[in-house]
N, C-alpha and C. Protein backbone atom coordinates (compact mmCIF):
# COMPACT_ATOMS: atom_id res chain seq x y z
N UNK A 1 112.70 90.78 112.89
CA UNK A 1 111.31 91.08 112.57
C UNK A 1 110.46 90.82 113.81
N UNK A 2 109.62 91.77 114.15
CA UNK A 2 108.81 91.59 115.35
C UNK A 2 107.49 90.90 115.03
N UNK A 3 106.71 90.60 116.05
CA UNK A 3 105.44 89.87 115.92
C UNK A 3 104.48 90.58 114.97
N UNK A 4 104.38 91.91 115.08
CA UNK A 4 103.45 92.66 114.26
C UNK A 4 103.81 92.56 112.78
N UNK A 5 105.09 92.73 112.46
CA UNK A 5 105.50 92.68 111.07
C UNK A 5 105.29 91.30 110.47
N UNK A 6 105.53 90.25 111.24
CA UNK A 6 105.42 88.90 110.70
C UNK A 6 103.97 88.49 110.49
N UNK A 7 103.01 89.18 111.10
CA UNK A 7 101.61 88.79 110.95
C UNK A 7 100.91 89.55 109.83
N UNK A 8 101.67 90.31 109.03
CA UNK A 8 101.09 91.04 107.91
C UNK A 8 101.49 90.37 106.60
N UNK A 9 100.48 90.06 105.79
CA UNK A 9 100.69 89.44 104.48
C UNK A 9 100.41 90.53 103.45
N UNK A 10 101.39 90.85 102.62
CA UNK A 10 101.24 91.94 101.65
C UNK A 10 100.86 91.42 100.27
N UNK A 11 99.86 92.06 99.68
CA UNK A 11 99.42 91.76 98.33
C UNK A 11 99.72 93.00 97.48
N UNK A 12 100.57 92.84 96.48
CA UNK A 12 100.93 93.97 95.62
C UNK A 12 100.09 93.95 94.36
N UNK A 13 99.08 94.83 94.33
CA UNK A 13 98.20 94.94 93.17
C UNK A 13 98.43 96.27 92.44
N UNK A 14 99.61 96.85 92.65
CA UNK A 14 99.93 98.12 91.99
C UNK A 14 99.96 97.91 90.48
N UNK A 15 99.32 98.82 89.75
CA UNK A 15 99.30 98.76 88.30
C UNK A 15 98.27 97.82 87.72
N UNK A 16 97.52 97.14 88.57
CA UNK A 16 96.51 96.19 88.09
C UNK A 16 95.13 96.85 88.18
N UNK A 17 94.36 96.80 87.09
CA UNK A 17 93.03 97.41 87.09
C UNK A 17 92.02 96.54 87.84
N UNK A 18 90.93 97.16 88.24
CA UNK A 18 89.84 96.40 88.86
C UNK A 18 89.31 95.39 87.86
N UNK A 19 88.94 94.25 88.31
CA UNK A 19 88.74 93.79 89.68
C UNK A 19 89.94 93.02 90.26
N UNK A 20 91.11 93.13 89.64
CA UNK A 20 92.27 92.33 90.09
C UNK A 20 92.64 92.55 91.57
N UNK A 21 92.66 93.78 92.11
CA UNK A 21 92.99 93.91 93.53
C UNK A 21 92.03 93.11 94.43
N UNK A 22 90.75 93.12 94.10
CA UNK A 22 89.77 92.36 94.88
C UNK A 22 90.01 90.85 94.73
N UNK A 23 90.26 90.40 93.52
CA UNK A 23 90.51 88.97 93.30
C UNK A 23 91.78 88.53 94.02
N UNK A 24 92.78 89.37 94.05
CA UNK A 24 94.02 89.04 94.75
C UNK A 24 93.79 89.00 96.27
N UNK A 25 92.93 89.89 96.77
CA UNK A 25 92.56 89.86 98.19
C UNK A 25 91.85 88.56 98.52
N UNK A 26 90.89 88.16 97.70
CA UNK A 26 90.16 86.91 97.95
C UNK A 26 91.11 85.72 98.00
N UNK A 27 92.06 85.67 97.09
CA UNK A 27 93.04 84.59 97.07
C UNK A 27 93.88 84.61 98.36
N UNK A 28 94.27 85.80 98.80
CA UNK A 28 95.08 85.92 100.01
C UNK A 28 94.28 85.51 101.25
N UNK A 29 93.00 85.81 101.28
CA UNK A 29 92.16 85.43 102.42
C UNK A 29 92.11 83.91 102.57
N UNK A 30 92.12 83.19 101.45
CA UNK A 30 92.08 81.73 101.50
C UNK A 30 93.41 81.13 101.94
N UNK A 31 94.50 81.82 101.67
CA UNK A 31 95.81 81.24 101.93
C UNK A 31 96.49 81.74 103.21
N UNK A 32 95.85 82.62 103.96
CA UNK A 32 96.46 83.13 105.18
C UNK A 32 95.75 82.60 106.42
N UNK A 33 96.46 82.67 107.53
CA UNK A 33 95.88 82.21 108.79
C UNK A 33 94.97 83.31 109.37
N UNK A 34 94.08 82.94 110.28
CA UNK A 34 93.16 83.93 110.88
C UNK A 34 93.88 85.05 111.64
N UNK A 35 95.11 84.81 112.08
CA UNK A 35 95.85 85.82 112.84
C UNK A 35 96.52 86.86 111.95
N UNK A 36 96.61 86.59 110.67
CA UNK A 36 97.32 87.50 109.78
C UNK A 36 96.43 88.63 109.28
N UNK A 37 97.05 89.80 109.19
CA UNK A 37 96.42 90.95 108.57
C UNK A 37 96.91 91.00 107.13
N UNK A 38 96.03 91.32 106.21
CA UNK A 38 96.41 91.40 104.80
C UNK A 38 96.48 92.86 104.40
N UNK A 39 97.61 93.24 103.84
CA UNK A 39 97.79 94.60 103.33
C UNK A 39 97.74 94.54 101.81
N UNK A 40 96.71 95.15 101.24
CA UNK A 40 96.58 95.19 99.77
C UNK A 40 97.02 96.57 99.32
N UNK A 41 98.06 96.60 98.48
CA UNK A 41 98.53 97.85 97.88
C UNK A 41 97.98 97.91 96.46
N UNK A 42 97.24 98.97 96.15
CA UNK A 42 96.62 99.10 94.83
C UNK A 42 96.77 100.52 94.31
N UNK A 43 96.75 100.65 92.99
CA UNK A 43 96.85 101.98 92.39
C UNK A 43 95.53 102.40 91.72
N UNK A 44 94.62 101.48 91.52
CA UNK A 44 93.34 101.79 90.88
C UNK A 44 92.39 102.41 91.91
N UNK A 45 91.95 103.65 91.69
CA UNK A 45 91.07 104.29 92.67
C UNK A 45 89.73 103.58 92.82
N UNK A 46 89.29 102.83 91.81
CA UNK A 46 88.03 102.11 91.90
C UNK A 46 88.11 100.90 92.83
N UNK A 47 89.32 100.49 93.17
CA UNK A 47 89.49 99.34 94.07
C UNK A 47 88.89 99.62 95.44
N UNK A 48 88.83 100.89 95.83
CA UNK A 48 88.28 101.23 97.14
C UNK A 48 86.82 100.80 97.26
N UNK A 49 86.04 101.06 96.25
CA UNK A 49 84.62 100.67 96.28
C UNK A 49 84.49 99.16 96.38
N UNK A 50 85.22 98.44 95.53
CA UNK A 50 85.15 96.98 95.50
C UNK A 50 85.58 96.34 96.82
N UNK A 51 86.73 96.75 97.31
CA UNK A 51 87.29 96.12 98.51
C UNK A 51 86.48 96.46 99.75
N UNK A 52 86.09 97.72 99.91
CA UNK A 52 85.30 98.08 101.09
C UNK A 52 83.95 97.38 101.11
N UNK A 53 83.31 97.29 99.97
CA UNK A 53 82.01 96.60 99.90
C UNK A 53 82.16 95.11 100.20
N UNK A 54 83.18 94.49 99.63
CA UNK A 54 83.43 93.07 99.89
C UNK A 54 83.68 92.83 101.39
N UNK A 55 84.47 93.67 102.00
CA UNK A 55 84.77 93.53 103.43
C UNK A 55 83.51 93.72 104.28
N UNK A 56 82.67 94.66 103.90
CA UNK A 56 81.42 94.89 104.62
C UNK A 56 80.52 93.65 104.53
N UNK A 57 80.36 93.11 103.34
CA UNK A 57 79.50 91.94 103.14
C UNK A 57 80.00 90.73 103.93
N UNK A 58 81.33 90.56 103.97
CA UNK A 58 81.92 89.38 104.61
C UNK A 58 82.40 89.64 106.04
N UNK A 59 81.99 90.75 106.62
CA UNK A 59 82.29 91.09 108.01
C UNK A 59 83.79 91.08 108.30
N UNK A 60 84.54 91.71 107.42
CA UNK A 60 85.98 91.87 107.59
C UNK A 60 86.25 93.32 107.97
N UNK A 61 87.22 93.53 108.83
CA UNK A 61 87.61 94.89 109.20
C UNK A 61 88.60 95.40 108.17
N UNK A 62 88.37 96.60 107.65
CA UNK A 62 89.25 97.16 106.64
C UNK A 62 89.54 98.63 106.96
N UNK A 63 90.83 98.96 107.02
CA UNK A 63 91.26 100.34 107.23
C UNK A 63 91.97 100.79 105.96
N UNK A 64 91.58 101.93 105.43
CA UNK A 64 92.14 102.44 104.18
C UNK A 64 93.03 103.63 104.46
N UNK A 65 94.21 103.63 103.84
CA UNK A 65 95.07 104.81 103.85
C UNK A 65 95.48 105.09 102.42
N UNK A 66 95.89 106.31 102.18
CA UNK A 66 96.36 106.70 100.85
C UNK A 66 97.74 107.34 101.02
N UNK A 67 98.81 106.50 101.00
CA UNK A 67 100.16 107.00 101.23
C UNK A 67 100.62 108.02 100.19
N UNK A 68 100.10 107.92 98.97
CA UNK A 68 100.44 108.89 97.93
C UNK A 68 99.23 109.04 97.00
N UNK A 69 99.35 109.95 96.06
CA UNK A 69 98.23 110.23 95.16
C UNK A 69 97.79 109.00 94.37
N UNK A 70 98.72 108.13 94.05
CA UNK A 70 98.42 106.97 93.21
C UNK A 70 98.54 105.64 93.94
N UNK A 71 98.46 105.66 95.26
CA UNK A 71 98.56 104.40 96.02
C UNK A 71 97.52 104.36 97.13
N UNK A 72 96.86 103.23 97.20
CA UNK A 72 95.87 102.97 98.25
C UNK A 72 96.34 101.74 99.01
N UNK A 73 96.20 101.78 100.30
CA UNK A 73 96.62 100.64 101.13
C UNK A 73 95.42 100.22 101.98
N UNK A 74 95.03 98.96 101.83
CA UNK A 74 93.89 98.41 102.56
C UNK A 74 94.42 97.38 103.56
N UNK A 75 94.20 97.63 104.84
CA UNK A 75 94.60 96.69 105.88
C UNK A 75 93.35 95.89 106.26
N UNK A 76 93.32 94.63 105.88
CA UNK A 76 92.15 93.78 106.06
C UNK A 76 92.43 92.75 107.15
N UNK A 77 91.52 92.70 108.12
CA UNK A 77 91.65 91.76 109.23
C UNK A 77 90.47 90.81 109.22
N UNK A 78 90.77 89.53 109.39
CA UNK A 78 89.71 88.54 109.51
C UNK A 78 89.14 88.65 110.91
N UNK A 79 87.84 88.68 111.01
CA UNK A 79 87.18 88.74 112.33
C UNK A 79 86.84 87.32 112.77
N UNK A 80 87.14 87.04 114.02
CA UNK A 80 86.89 85.68 114.53
C UNK A 80 85.43 85.43 114.75
């Protein structure tokens, strides 16, 4: 495993309705180090609004991808 892979913490929120993906992200933010990127996998399309707004308010960098029709991936980075 290389440095990049080891610094990603994955949160699997697939099949969980809102607001669970956001709550799981908040929990992960408390338990990870500042160097780790958090990848939240979610299937609820409404999670995009919740997670992006939360990241904006808390000055977190978030990149969204949609690997498939029913999957959203949020890469959240803590800003120093």
